[in-house]
Protein backbone atom coordinates (compact mmCIF):
# COMPACT_ATOMS: atom_id res chain seq x y z
CA UNK A 1 -40.79 33.76 -20.69
CA UNK A 2 -39.66 34.97 -24.12
CA UNK A 3 -37.38 38.01 -24.25
CA UNK A 4 -36.41 39.86 -27.41
CA UNK A 5 -32.75 40.18 -28.29
CA UNK A 6 -32.99 43.93 -27.76
CA UNK A 7 -34.23 43.47 -24.21
CA UNK A 8 -31.51 40.91 -23.52
CA UNK A 9 -28.94 43.46 -24.66
CA UNK A 10 -30.40 46.06 -22.34
CA UNK A 11 -30.42 43.75 -19.35
CA UNK A 12 -26.89 42.56 -19.95
CA UNK A 13 -27.76 39.00 -18.95
CA UNK A 14 -30.27 36.31 -19.80
CA UNK A 15 -33.32 35.30 -17.80
CA UNK A 16 -34.51 31.82 -18.62
CA UNK A 17 -37.51 29.91 -17.34
CA UNK A 18 -37.20 26.14 -17.28
CA UNK A 19 -40.11 23.81 -16.59
CA UNK A 20 -42.20 26.82 -15.70
CA UNK A 21 -40.57 27.64 -12.35
CA UNK A 22 -36.75 27.45 -12.42
CA UNK A 23 -35.05 30.73 -13.24
CA UNK A 24 -31.61 31.91 -14.26
CA UNK A 25 -30.81 35.36 -13.00
CA UNK A 26 -27.97 37.61 -11.94
CA UNK A 27 -27.15 39.05 -8.52
CA UNK A 28 -25.50 42.12 -10.00
CA UNK A 29 -27.09 45.23 -8.48
CA UNK A 30 -28.47 46.65 -11.72
CA UNK A 31 -29.78 43.22 -12.66
CA UNK A 32 -31.62 42.79 -9.35
CA UNK A 33 -33.56 45.96 -10.06
CA UNK A 34 -34.99 44.22 -13.13
CA UNK A 35 -36.05 40.97 -11.50
CA UNK A 36 -39.65 42.11 -11.83
CA UNK A 37 -39.25 41.40 -15.56
CA UNK A 38 -38.90 37.74 -14.59
CA UNK A 39 -41.68 37.70 -12.03
CA UNK A 40 -44.05 40.49 -11.03
CA UNK A 41 -43.87 39.22 -7.45
CA UNK A 42 -40.32 40.61 -7.21
CA UNK A 43 -41.86 44.11 -7.13
CA UNK A 44 -44.27 43.20 -4.34
CA UNK A 45 -44.60 44.88 -0.95
CA UNK A 46 -43.73 41.82 1.15
CA UNK A 47 -40.30 41.04 -0.22
CA UNK A 48 -37.23 39.56 1.45
CA UNK A 49 -34.58 39.94 2.75
CA UNK A 50 -34.84 42.95 5.05
CA UNK A 51 -32.70 44.93 7.45
CA UNK A 52 -33.80 43.84 10.94
CA UNK A 53 -33.55 46.64 13.48
CA UNK A 54 -33.73 45.04 16.91
CA UNK A 55 -35.15 48.01 18.82
CA UNK A 56 -37.99 48.35 16.32
CA UNK A 57 -39.07 44.70 16.55
CA UNK A 58 -42.21 43.99 18.56
CA UNK A 59 -41.63 41.61 21.50
CA UNK A 60 -44.13 38.75 21.56
CA UNK A 61 -44.89 36.15 24.21
CA UNK A 62 -45.36 32.86 22.38
CA UNK A 63 -44.12 29.31 22.44
CA UNK A 64 -40.65 28.31 21.34
CA UNK A 65 -39.90 26.87 17.93
CA UNK A 66 -40.27 23.11 18.23
CA UNK A 67 -38.05 20.86 16.12
CA UNK A 68 -38.98 17.23 15.49
CA UNK A 69 -36.48 14.67 14.11
CA UNK A 70 -33.80 17.36 14.03
CA UNK A 71 -31.61 15.02 16.11
CA UNK A 72 -32.22 12.09 13.76
CA UNK A 73 -29.75 11.44 10.92
CA UNK A 74 -31.17 12.74 7.65
CA UNK A 75 -32.40 9.84 5.51
CA UNK A 76 -30.11 8.92 2.64
CA UNK A 77 -29.61 9.61 -0.19
CA UNK A 78 -28.68 13.28 0.21
CA UNK A 79 -27.93 15.23 -2.94
CA UNK A 80 -25.68 18.31 -3.06
CA UNK A 81 -26.31 20.53 -6.09
CA UNK A 82 -24.67 23.61 -7.58
CA UNK A 83 -27.81 25.46 -8.65
CA UNK A 84 -25.80 28.21 -10.43
CA UNK A 85 -26.75 30.66 -7.67
CA UNK A 86 -26.07 28.63 -4.51
CA UNK A 87 -25.13 25.19 -3.21
CA UNK A 88 -28.21 23.27 -2.08
CA UNK A 89 -28.58 20.12 0.01
CA UNK A 90 -31.68 18.16 -0.93
CA UNK A 91 -32.93 14.93 0.65
CA UNK A 92 -34.72 12.42 -1.52
CA UNK A 93 -38.30 12.05 -0.35
CA UNK A 94 -39.58 8.51 -0.06
CA UNK A 95 -40.55 5.97 2.55
CA UNK A 96 -38.32 7.71 5.08
CA UNK A 97 -40.16 11.04 4.65
CA UNK A 98 -42.31 10.26 7.69
CA UNK A 99 -39.11 10.84 9.70
CA UNK A 100 -38.12 13.97 7.81
CA UNK A 101 -37.32 16.89 10.16
CA UNK A 102 -40.30 19.09 10.94
CA UNK A 103 -40.94 22.30 12.85
CA UNK A 104 -43.97 23.80 14.58
CA UNK A 105 -44.73 26.31 17.33
CA UNK A 106 -43.62 29.96 17.45
CA UNK A 107 -46.21 31.89 15.42
CA UNK A 108 -46.67 29.06 12.93
CA UNK A 109 -49.95 27.32 12.29
CA UNK A 110 -49.43 23.63 11.72
CA UNK A 111 -46.32 21.62 10.84
CA UNK A 112 -43.64 22.38 8.28
CA UNK A 113 -41.43 19.67 6.77
CA UNK A 114 -37.78 20.04 5.77
CA UNK A 115 -37.27 20.47 2.02
CA UNK A 116 -33.68 21.64 1.54
CA UNK A 117 -30.97 23.96 2.76
CA UNK A 118 -28.62 26.31 0.94
CA UNK A 119 -26.11 29.10 1.55
CA UNK A 120 -25.43 32.71 0.60
CA UNK A 121 -21.93 34.16 0.96
CA UNK A 122 -19.69 37.03 -0.03
CA UNK A 123 -16.33 37.48 -1.74
CA UNK A 124 -15.25 39.36 1.39
CA UNK A 125 -15.93 38.77 5.07
CA UNK A 126 -17.75 42.08 5.40
CA UNK A 127 -20.72 40.88 3.36
CA UNK A 128 -22.48 37.74 2.21
CA UNK A 129 -25.65 37.36 4.27
CA UNK A 130 -29.00 38.28 2.80
CA UNK A 131 -30.61 39.58 5.96
CA UNK A 132 -28.93 42.54 7.60
CA UNK A 133 -28.90 42.74 11.41
CA UNK A 134 -28.86 46.30 12.76
CA UNK A 135 -27.02 47.41 9.64
CA UNK A 136 -24.45 44.59 9.83
CA UNK A 137 -23.95 41.93 7.17
CA UNK A 138 -22.42 38.57 8.04
CA UNK A 139 -20.14 36.68 5.63
CA UNK A 140 -22.48 33.68 5.28
CA UNK A 141 -26.18 32.97 5.77
CA UNK A 142 -27.77 29.51 5.73
CA UNK A 143 -31.42 28.96 4.85
CA UNK A 144 -33.25 25.81 5.95
CA UNK A 145 -36.46 25.59 3.93
CA UNK A 146 -39.61 23.90 5.24
CA UNK A 147 -42.87 23.30 3.39
CA UNK A 148 -46.24 23.33 5.13
CA UNK A 149 -47.60 19.79 5.39
CA UNK A 150 -50.94 21.23 4.26
CA UNK A 151 -49.51 21.26 0.74
CA UNK A 152 -48.18 18.26 -1.13
CA UNK A 153 -45.30 19.89 -2.98
CA UNK A 154 -43.32 23.10 -3.36
CA UNK A 155 -45.36 24.33 -6.32
CA UNK A 156 -48.57 24.17 -4.29
CA UNK A 157 -46.89 25.70 -1.24
CA UNK A 158 -45.63 28.70 -3.21
CA UNK A 159 -49.21 29.54 -4.16
CA UNK A 160 -50.16 30.16 -0.52
CA UNK A 161 -49.08 32.87 1.90
CA UNK A 162 -48.37 30.28 4.61
CA UNK A 163 -46.73 27.78 2.26
CA UNK A 164 -43.13 27.92 3.51
CA UNK A 165 -41.11 28.66 6.60
CA UNK A 166 -37.40 29.39 6.25
CA UNK A 167 -34.99 29.32 9.19
CA UNK A 168 -32.11 31.75 8.62
CA UNK A 169 -28.75 31.43 10.40
CA UNK A 170 -25.78 33.77 10.16
CA UNK A 171 -22.15 32.62 10.20
CA UNK A 172 -19.17 34.57 11.49
CA UNK A 173 -15.56 33.73 10.56
CA UNK A 174 -12.96 32.63 13.10
CA UNK A 175 -9.77 30.57 13.22
CA UNK A 176 -11.29 27.26 14.34
CA UNK A 177 -12.94 24.89 11.88
CA UNK A 178 -16.61 24.07 12.36
CA UNK A 179 -16.42 20.27 12.17
CA UNK A 180 -20.21 20.00 11.91
CA UNK A 181 -20.10 21.58 8.44
CA UNK A 182 -17.56 19.09 7.12
CA UNK A 183 -20.05 16.48 5.79
CA UNK A 184 -21.26 19.20 3.40
CA UNK A 185 -18.07 21.16 2.73
CA UNK A 186 -15.90 18.19 1.85
CA UNK A 187 -18.26 17.46 -1.06
CA UNK A 188 -17.89 21.00 -2.46
CA UNK A 189 -15.13 20.03 -4.96
CA UNK A 190 -17.69 17.74 -6.65
CA UNK A 191 -20.10 20.65 -7.23
CA UNK A 192 -17.58 23.32 -8.17
CA UNK A 193 -19.13 23.90 -11.60
CA UNK A 194 -22.69 25.03 -12.39
CA UNK A 195 -25.33 22.29 -12.27
CA UNK A 196 -22.94 19.64 -10.97
CA UNK A 197 -24.39 17.41 -8.29
CA UNK A 198 -23.14 14.65 -6.03
CA UNK A 199 -24.75 12.14 -3.70
CA UNK A 200 -23.31 12.24 -0.19
CA UNK A 201 -22.14 8.90 1.19
CA UNK A 202 -22.70 9.91 4.80
CA UNK A 203 -25.47 11.55 6.75
CA UNK A 204 -25.73 13.91 9.71
CA UNK A 205 -28.40 15.63 11.78
CA UNK A 206 -29.75 19.11 11.17
CA UNK A 207 -29.38 19.75 14.90
CA UNK A 208 -25.61 19.26 14.58
CA UNK A 209 -25.44 22.38 12.38
CA UNK A 210 -27.25 24.60 14.87
CA UNK A 211 -24.89 25.17 17.78
CA UNK A 212 -26.42 28.49 18.85
CA UNK A 213 -29.19 29.97 21.00
CA UNK A 214 -32.52 29.00 19.44
CA UNK A 215 -34.69 30.68 22.09
CA UNK A 216 -34.40 34.18 20.66
CA UNK A 217 -35.42 34.85 17.07
CA UNK A 218 -37.05 37.40 14.79
CA UNK A 219 -39.98 36.48 12.60
CA UNK A 220 -41.80 38.29 9.82
CA UNK A 221 -43.82 37.66 6.71
CA UNK A 222 -41.85 37.78 3.45
CA UNK A 223 -40.87 36.09 0.23
CA UNK A 224 -38.36 33.96 -1.58
CA UNK A 225 -35.16 35.96 -2.05
CA UNK A 226 -34.75 34.81 -5.66
CA UNK A 227 -37.13 34.87 -8.63
CA UNK A 228 -40.04 34.14 -8.67
CA UNK A 229 -39.95 36.00 -5.29
CA UNK A 230 -43.20 34.32 -4.19
CA UNK A 231 -44.63 35.99 -1.08
CA UNK A 232 -45.22 32.66 0.62
CA UNK A 233 -42.59 32.64 3.37
CA UNK A 234 -42.65 33.04 7.12
CA UNK A 235 -39.07 33.93 8.00
CA UNK A 236 -37.50 32.99 11.33
CA UNK A 237 -34.11 34.68 11.71
CA UNK A 238 -31.73 33.76 14.54
CA UNK A 239 -29.48 36.70 15.52
CA UNK A 240 -26.69 34.77 17.31
CA UNK A 241 -24.23 33.65 14.61
CA UNK A 242 -22.78 30.21 14.06
CA UNK A 243 -19.14 30.04 12.99
CA UNK A 244 -16.85 28.66 10.32
CA UNK A 245 -13.14 29.07 9.77
CA UNK A 246 -11.18 31.18 7.30
CA UNK A 247 -10.18 27.94 5.56
CA UNK A 248 -13.77 26.79 5.34
CA UNK A 249 -15.12 30.01 3.85
CA UNK A 250 -12.46 29.75 1.13
CA UNK A 251 -14.19 26.55 -0.01
CA UNK A 252 -17.37 28.53 -0.65
CA UNK A 253 -15.42 31.01 -2.74
CA UNK A 254 -14.10 28.30 -5.06
CA UNK A 255 -17.62 27.46 -6.24
CA UNK A 256 -18.37 28.68 -9.78
CA UNK A 257 -21.49 30.06 -11.43
CA UNK A 258 -21.98 30.59 -15.15
CA UNK A 259 -21.07 34.25 -14.67
CA UNK A 260 -17.90 33.88 -12.60
CA UNK A 261 -16.83 32.68 -9.17
CA UNK A 262 -19.98 32.34 -7.13
CA UNK A 263 -20.28 34.80 -4.28
CA UNK A 264 -22.05 37.98 -3.33
CA UNK A 265 -25.09 35.84 -4.07
CA UNK A 266 -27.37 37.90 -1.87
CA UNK A 267 -30.32 40.10 -2.66
CA UNK A 268 -30.32 43.73 -1.56
CA UNK A 269 -32.52 44.53 1.48
CA UNK A 270 -36.12 45.19 0.54
CA UNK A 271 -38.46 47.87 1.92
CA UNK A 272 -40.41 46.78 4.99
CA UNK A 273 -43.45 48.92 4.11
CA UNK A 274 -46.14 48.37 6.76
CA UNK A 275 -44.98 44.94 7.91
CA UNK A 276 -44.12 44.22 11.52
CA UNK A 277 -41.11 42.24 12.66
CA UNK A 278 -41.72 40.26 15.85
CA UNK A 279 -39.05 39.08 18.28
CA UNK A 280 -39.22 36.30 20.82
CA UNK A 281 -37.06 37.43 23.71
CA UNK A 282 -36.41 35.88 27.08
CA UNK A 283 -36.84 38.81 29.43
CA UNK A 284 -34.75 38.85 32.61
CA UNK A 285 -36.72 41.74 34.11
CA UNK A 286 -40.36 41.95 35.10
CA UNK A 287 -42.51 40.03 32.65
CA UNK A 288 -44.93 42.94 32.54
CA UNK A 289 -42.33 44.84 30.54
CA UNK A 290 -42.82 42.44 27.64
CA UNK A 291 -45.85 43.16 25.50
CA UNK A 292 -48.38 40.39 25.33
CA UNK A 293 -50.08 40.02 22.00
CA UNK A 294 -53.23 38.13 21.19
CA UNK A 295 -52.17 35.73 18.42
CA UNK A 296 -55.55 36.14 16.74
CA UNK A 297 -54.70 39.81 16.23
CA UNK A 298 -51.59 39.02 14.19
CA UNK A 299 -53.10 39.02 10.73
CA UNK A 300 -50.39 37.05 8.94
CA UNK A 301 -50.71 33.95 11.11
CA UNK A 302 -52.85 31.52 9.13
């Protein structure tokens, strides 16, 4: 995308497109309002993140989210990358990809394979997450991205409304270290600067990161939370937070972007419009109190 110098001056920052799909952008509030100049999808009506209001979510009786190979060590090599807007963990696909973690169930149609994970965080503990839960922001949110096995690569997946599923997990801060994050966090000094990357010399399981209740979650149809904002994502958001320590969150805040110290790298909540947010809840009372929904009537399941 070619921008005139005058437009660059108006925006106050530079949008660049590399290889047709990688974007540079700013999280500053006034800059976010102009993301549609990078991609028209950013002005769509199915954008993410959103503010999830629990009492407005529609309870649904459906199967749990099934996780396959989540207890298997991730195949090496694992690459940690400073993408200039987050820190991303990316496995190298190869012969071991047949044992790559996958998910199915819930309201998903078919299997989705693990692609990468990354984090969003704030400069202060009162903000950082992208999704907002009943008006509350958490200091960190982790996204685990999965691609539908119907599509051979991310580019193809982004062209379809059912292309991706992203699992979103909040983190709350406490005194105790979360030892399960250490395989990732101890490599942070090697990706302090923009576009630095390092290969991890040890592996771990995705399940080890998820010490929380996985039975209850919210799900809705949305988009990538960064340009190009493709509306190709089924979001599954877990309300019960994980934890990390005050010392550990300081490691996030030492990471640099080209603008400054990385942080507050979250998009503002987007309008819900006419979308529904569904919740899988384990009811203790009479099951008749929970609405039963014919899956065929949920139009976004495909």
